[in-house]
């Protein structure tokens, strides 16, 4: 069970194993997408169709018709990776070996919808993936296995997403045989260290220049590609400016004020230190390096970005 590209790595790994039979793939229904609202299939469905697998797309995982279809398949085990819905207890009870979930954090930290983004937003030094035995709660099941990876300075949510997808697929297919054979025992999550990674909202991308430069740098990295970090330019008709790449610089300046604006970057004062903007995008335009952007949108030291209030 899975929907986005993140889950495809796990499905591919399962299909590589001669000792694992994939009876069916469950993914979200096709949804309207784009300006023309054409129905788009999920990456997991595309992969499943390509491999000739049975695909189930219930509107809700609790639908009686879907539950009966799963019972007819008689799965020994259900694996879940970013499916997009909480599974009801009567689904969790169908397979005799239960349901295993691949989650992109070191549980119990960052339970919830957006663990990758919040790991970067919170400035975590490392993250990882967890394989857990599912229960009715939100990412509260007992842990079977984990693997860790550092969050590097050159990581953003996209690069981390790809790395964790690969790590999770590898860990899942290593965990299943050991779990099925009884070599692995699920361990309850500790009560300490619980945090929740709520769904990202568009307004989360708004830069607050009163925050430290490091916090804003994490916001730039953590919200790629959506919604992207952004600010407003009062000096240029209050247009929205997206920030795709930035760096922290050891400069002290008033929050929101432009310190320098040249080919090396646009340096903005923050609550602590300053942020150098290295790749930006004017609303409706393309991504530009500072030299290209400033040629059409001149900014001067002393101008303000967004609001420091």
Protein backbone atom coordinates (compact mmCIF):
# COMPACT_ATOMS: atom_id res chain seq x y z
CA UNK A 1 0.00 0.00 0.00
CA UNK A 2 1.49 3.30 -1.10
CA UNK A 3 0.95 6.33 -3.31
CA UNK A 4 3.88 8.72 -4.02
CA UNK A 5 7.27 8.15 -5.60
CA UNK A 6 8.65 7.48 -2.10
CA UNK A 7 6.75 4.17 -2.02
CA UNK A 8 7.97 3.04 -5.45
CA UNK A 9 11.43 2.18 -4.14
CA UNK A 10 9.87 -0.24 -1.65
CA UNK A 11 7.64 -1.83 -4.29
CA UNK A 12 10.60 -2.31 -6.63
CA UNK A 13 12.61 -3.98 -3.86
CA UNK A 14 9.72 -6.30 -3.02
CA UNK A 15 9.38 -7.28 -6.67
CA UNK A 16 13.08 -8.17 -6.84
CA UNK A 17 12.67 -10.84 -4.18
CA UNK A 18 11.89 -14.37 -5.37
CA UNK A 19 10.67 -15.31 -1.88
CA UNK A 20 8.05 -12.53 -1.75
CA UNK A 21 4.87 -12.56 -3.85
CA UNK A 22 3.04 -9.25 -4.30
CA UNK A 23 -0.63 -10.22 -4.45
CA UNK A 24 -1.92 -6.71 -5.16
CA UNK A 25 -1.03 -3.04 -4.90
CA UNK A 26 -3.31 -0.56 -3.10
CA UNK A 27 -3.00 3.14 -3.88
CA UNK A 28 -5.07 6.31 -3.76
CA UNK A 29 -7.73 6.90 -6.47
CA UNK A 30 -6.79 8.91 -9.54
CA UNK A 31 -7.15 12.62 -8.72
CA UNK A 32 -7.70 15.78 -10.81
CA UNK A 33 -4.40 17.57 -11.34
CA UNK A 34 -3.09 20.61 -13.18
CA UNK A 35 -4.93 23.53 -14.71
CA UNK A 36 -7.08 21.28 -16.86
CA UNK A 37 -7.90 19.03 -13.86
CA UNK A 38 -7.18 15.87 -15.78
CA UNK A 39 -7.22 12.74 -13.66
CA UNK A 40 -3.66 11.74 -12.79
CA UNK A 41 -2.49 8.35 -11.59
CA UNK A 42 -0.15 7.91 -8.64
CA UNK A 43 3.50 6.92 -9.19
CA UNK A 44 2.77 3.63 -7.40
CA UNK A 45 -0.12 2.84 -9.74
CA UNK A 46 2.03 3.62 -12.78
CA UNK A 47 4.71 1.20 -11.56
CA UNK A 48 2.18 -1.49 -10.66
CA UNK A 49 0.48 -1.30 -14.07
CA UNK A 50 3.88 -1.44 -15.78
CA UNK A 51 4.68 -4.64 -13.86
CA UNK A 52 1.26 -6.20 -14.54
CA UNK A 53 0.09 -6.18 -10.92
CA UNK A 54 -3.46 -6.06 -9.62
CA UNK A 55 -4.26 -2.50 -8.50
CA UNK A 56 -6.92 -1.56 -5.93
CA UNK A 57 -7.93 2.11 -5.45
CA UNK A 58 -10.56 2.44 -2.72
CA UNK A 59 -11.82 5.90 -1.89
CA UNK A 60 -11.48 4.97 1.77
CA UNK A 61 -9.53 2.13 3.32
CA UNK A 62 -12.56 1.33 5.50
CA UNK A 63 -14.89 0.68 2.51
CA UNK A 64 -16.64 -2.66 3.00
CA UNK A 65 -16.17 -3.74 -0.63
CA UNK A 66 -12.43 -3.06 -0.45
CA UNK A 67 -12.07 -4.90 2.87
CA UNK A 68 -13.82 -7.93 1.41
CA UNK A 69 -11.53 -7.87 -1.63
CA UNK A 70 -8.48 -7.86 0.66
CA UNK A 71 -9.90 -10.80 2.63
CA UNK A 72 -10.31 -12.71 -0.63
CA UNK A 73 -6.65 -12.11 -1.47
CA UNK A 74 -5.67 -13.72 1.87
CA UNK A 75 -2.41 -11.80 2.32
CA UNK A 76 0.04 -13.06 4.94
CA UNK A 77 1.38 -9.53 5.42
CA UNK A 78 0.56 -6.00 4.30
CA UNK A 79 3.34 -3.44 3.84
CA UNK A 80 2.58 0.28 3.85
CA UNK A 81 4.70 3.20 2.63
CA UNK A 82 3.16 6.69 2.47
CA UNK A 83 -0.29 5.40 1.56
CA UNK A 84 -2.06 8.59 2.64
CA UNK A 85 -4.77 7.26 4.98
CA UNK A 86 -4.93 5.77 8.44
CA UNK A 87 -5.77 2.07 8.21
CA UNK A 88 -8.85 0.97 10.17
CA UNK A 89 -8.50 -1.80 12.79
CA UNK A 90 -10.55 -4.26 10.70
CA UNK A 91 -7.99 -3.94 7.89
CA UNK A 92 -5.00 -4.27 10.22
CA UNK A 93 -6.49 -7.53 11.51
CA UNK A 94 -6.82 -9.24 8.12
CA UNK A 95 -3.25 -10.51 7.51
CA UNK A 96 -2.10 -13.06 10.12
CA UNK A 97 1.33 -11.38 10.28
CA UNK A 98 -0.17 -7.91 10.57
CA UNK A 99 0.81 -4.74 8.71
CA UNK A 100 4.29 -3.23 8.51
CA UNK A 101 4.80 0.47 7.87
CA UNK A 102 7.88 2.21 6.45
CA UNK A 103 8.11 5.69 8.01
CA UNK A 104 10.69 8.33 7.10
CA UNK A 105 11.89 9.29 10.57
CA UNK A 106 13.52 7.79 13.62
CA UNK A 107 10.33 7.15 15.55
CA UNK A 108 9.03 8.28 17.95
CA UNK A 109 10.40 11.56 16.59
CA UNK A 110 8.33 13.15 13.80
CA UNK A 111 5.22 11.04 13.79
CA UNK A 112 2.81 12.30 11.15
CA UNK A 113 2.46 13.50 7.59
CA UNK A 114 5.67 15.45 6.90
CA UNK A 115 8.63 13.95 8.80
CA UNK A 116 11.22 14.76 6.14
CA UNK A 117 10.36 18.46 6.01
CA UNK A 118 10.17 18.85 9.79
CA UNK A 119 13.47 17.09 10.36
CA UNK A 120 15.15 19.84 8.31
CA UNK A 121 12.95 22.66 9.65
CA UNK A 122 13.87 21.69 13.19
CA UNK A 123 17.58 21.54 12.41
CA UNK A 124 18.00 17.83 13.17
CA UNK A 125 21.52 16.51 12.67
CA UNK A 126 20.26 13.13 11.50
CA UNK A 127 17.14 11.27 10.49
CA UNK A 128 16.38 7.83 9.11
CA UNK A 129 13.68 5.28 8.44
CA UNK A 130 11.70 3.04 10.74
CA UNK A 131 9.89 -0.21 9.98
CA UNK A 132 7.15 -0.67 12.55
CA UNK A 133 4.27 -3.04 13.17
CA UNK A 134 1.15 -0.95 12.68
CA UNK A 135 -1.54 -0.32 15.26
CA UNK A 136 -4.61 1.97 15.02
CA UNK A 137 -2.64 5.05 16.15
CA UNK A 138 -0.75 7.58 14.03
CA UNK A 139 2.76 6.10 13.68
CA UNK A 140 2.61 4.66 17.21
CA UNK A 141 3.31 1.00 16.43
CA UNK A 142 6.12 -1.09 17.87
CA UNK A 143 9.48 -0.79 16.11
CA UNK A 144 11.06 -3.70 14.21
CA UNK A 145 14.08 -1.98 12.65
CA UNK A 146 15.65 1.40 11.96
CA UNK A 147 18.48 2.84 9.92
CA UNK A 148 20.04 6.30 10.23
CA UNK A 149 21.49 8.90 7.89
CA UNK A 150 23.00 12.33 8.60
CA UNK A 151 21.26 15.45 7.31
CA UNK A 152 24.00 17.18 5.34
CA UNK A 153 24.34 20.90 4.74
CA UNK A 154 23.72 20.32 1.03
CA UNK A 155 20.51 18.36 1.69
CA UNK A 156 17.05 19.71 1.06
CA UNK A 157 13.71 17.93 1.35
CA UNK A 158 14.03 16.57 -2.20
CA UNK A 159 17.48 15.04 -1.80
CA UNK A 160 16.58 13.63 1.61
CA UNK A 161 13.35 12.22 0.20
CA UNK A 162 15.26 10.27 -2.44
CA UNK A 163 17.85 8.95 0.00
CA UNK A 164 15.28 7.87 2.56
CA UNK A 165 13.16 6.18 -0.11
CA UNK A 166 16.14 4.03 -1.11
CA UNK A 167 17.13 3.31 2.49
CA UNK A 168 13.57 2.38 3.36
CA UNK A 169 13.19 -0.04 0.47
CA UNK A 170 16.41 -1.81 1.43
CA UNK A 171 15.46 -1.94 5.11
CA UNK A 172 11.97 -3.26 4.37
CA UNK A 173 13.13 -6.26 2.37
CA UNK A 174 15.80 -7.05 4.98
CA UNK A 175 13.27 -6.80 7.79
CA UNK A 176 10.44 -8.91 6.35
CA UNK A 177 12.26 -12.29 6.28
CA UNK A 178 13.63 -11.80 9.80
CA UNK A 179 10.20 -10.75 11.06
CA UNK A 180 8.39 -13.64 9.37
CA UNK A 181 10.92 -16.17 10.74
CA UNK A 182 10.56 -14.81 14.27
CA UNK A 183 14.13 -13.49 14.49
CA UNK A 184 12.89 -9.94 15.06
CA UNK A 185 10.76 -8.88 17.99
CA UNK A 186 8.82 -5.63 17.81
CA UNK A 187 9.78 -3.18 20.58
CA UNK A 188 7.33 -0.57 21.86
CA UNK A 189 8.24 3.01 21.07
CA UNK A 190 9.76 4.91 23.99
CA UNK A 191 7.58 7.47 25.72
CA UNK A 192 10.37 10.04 25.59
CA UNK A 193 11.25 11.96 22.45
CA UNK A 194 7.81 11.95 20.84
CA UNK A 195 7.20 14.76 18.34
CA UNK A 196 4.61 15.34 15.64
CA UNK A 197 5.25 16.37 12.02
CA UNK A 198 2.00 17.95 10.91
CA UNK A 199 1.10 18.42 7.28
CA UNK A 200 2.91 21.32 5.62
CA UNK A 201 0.77 24.34 4.71
CA UNK A 202 1.48 26.98 2.08
CA UNK A 203 1.89 29.68 4.72
CA UNK A 204 4.74 27.70 6.30
CA UNK A 205 6.92 28.95 3.47
CA UNK A 206 6.74 32.61 4.53
CA UNK A 207 10.12 33.78 5.80
CA UNK A 208 10.15 35.62 9.12
CA UNK A 209 13.30 37.72 9.09
CA UNK A 210 13.19 37.99 12.90
CA UNK A 211 14.14 34.33 13.02
CA UNK A 212 17.83 33.47 13.00
CA UNK A 213 19.56 33.02 9.67
CA UNK A 214 20.00 29.31 10.41
CA UNK A 215 16.27 28.87 11.03
CA UNK A 216 15.48 30.61 7.74
CA UNK A 217 18.13 28.56 5.94
CA UNK A 218 16.46 25.41 7.25
CA UNK A 219 13.12 26.74 6.01
CA UNK A 220 14.55 27.23 2.51
CA UNK A 221 15.95 23.69 2.47
CA UNK A 222 13.04 22.00 4.20
CA UNK A 223 10.28 23.31 1.95
CA UNK A 224 11.70 22.35 -1.46
CA UNK A 225 9.83 21.90 -3.76
CA UNK A 226 6.52 22.85 -2.09
CA UNK A 227 5.50 25.36 -0.94
CA UNK A 228 9.01 26.79 -1.19
CA UNK A 229 10.33 29.52 1.10
CA UNK A 230 9.20 32.98 0.05
CA UNK A 231 9.21 36.65 1.02
CA UNK A 232 7.80 39.87 -0.37
CA UNK A 233 9.59 42.78 -1.98
CA UNK A 234 7.93 46.07 -0.90
CA UNK A 235 10.42 48.02 -3.04
CA UNK A 236 9.15 46.18 -6.15
CA UNK A 237 5.36 46.43 -5.85
CA UNK A 238 5.25 43.82 -3.09
CA UNK A 239 5.96 40.95 -5.48
CA UNK A 240 6.53 37.49 -4.05
CA UNK A 241 10.09 36.20 -4.23
CA UNK A 242 10.74 32.48 -3.82
CA UNK A 243 14.08 31.45 -2.34
CA UNK A 244 15.44 28.14 -3.64
CA UNK A 245 18.99 28.19 -2.30
CA UNK A 246 20.67 30.23 0.41
CA UNK A 247 23.56 30.26 2.86
CA UNK A 248 24.15 31.62 6.36
CA UNK A 249 26.71 34.42 6.59
CA UNK A 250 28.42 35.91 9.65
CA UNK A 251 26.98 39.40 9.28
CA UNK A 252 25.04 41.43 11.81
CA UNK A 253 22.31 43.66 10.37
CA UNK A 254 18.73 44.73 11.16
CA UNK A 255 16.18 42.02 10.45
CA UNK A 256 14.75 42.14 6.90
CA UNK A 257 17.21 44.81 5.67
CA UNK A 258 19.30 44.22 2.55
CA UNK A 259 22.98 44.46 3.40
CA UNK A 260 24.41 43.87 -0.07
CA UNK A 261 22.94 42.94 -3.44
CA UNK A 262 25.41 41.90 -6.12
CA UNK A 263 26.47 38.93 -8.23
CA UNK A 264 27.61 37.03 -5.13
CA UNK A 265 24.12 37.07 -3.64
CA UNK A 266 21.52 39.18 -1.88
CA UNK A 267 22.41 39.37 1.82
CA UNK A 268 19.51 39.98 4.22
CA UNK A 269 19.75 40.66 7.94
CA UNK A 270 18.01 38.19 10.26
CA UNK A 271 17.35 37.98 13.98
CA UNK A 272 20.83 36.50 14.25
CA UNK A 273 23.44 36.65 11.48
CA UNK A 274 22.26 37.06 7.87
CA UNK A 275 21.09 35.00 4.92
CA UNK A 276 22.65 35.14 1.47
CA UNK A 277 20.12 34.36 -1.29
CA UNK A 278 21.79 32.32 -4.04
CA UNK A 279 18.90 31.18 -6.23
CA UNK A 280 15.59 33.04 -6.41
CA UNK A 281 12.43 33.15 -8.47
CA UNK A 282 10.13 36.07 -9.05
CA UNK A 283 6.45 35.11 -9.01
CA UNK A 284 5.58 33.74 -12.46
CA UNK A 285 9.23 33.72 -13.59
CA UNK A 286 12.06 31.22 -13.71
CA UNK A 287 14.73 30.46 -11.16
CA UNK A 288 17.61 32.92 -11.38
CA UNK A 289 21.01 33.46 -9.83
CA UNK A 290 21.45 36.87 -8.15
CA UNK A 291 23.23 38.48 -11.12
CA UNK A 292 20.38 37.62 -13.48
CA UNK A 293 17.66 38.61 -11.02
CA UNK A 294 19.20 41.96 -10.11
CA UNK A 295 19.55 42.91 -13.77
CA UNK A 296 15.75 43.07 -14.03
CA UNK A 297 14.82 43.78 -10.41
CA UNK A 298 17.36 46.17 -8.90
CA UNK A 299 17.56 46.02 -5.12
CA UNK A 300 19.62 48.36 -2.98
CA UNK A 301 21.18 48.10 0.48
CA UNK A 302 18.69 49.40 3.00
CA UNK A 303 15.64 48.06 1.19
CA UNK A 304 13.46 45.74 3.28
CA UNK A 305 12.12 42.30 2.40
CA UNK A 306 8.84 41.05 3.76
CA UNK A 307 8.10 42.37 7.21
CA UNK A 308 10.28 42.38 10.31
CA UNK A 309 7.29 43.19 12.51
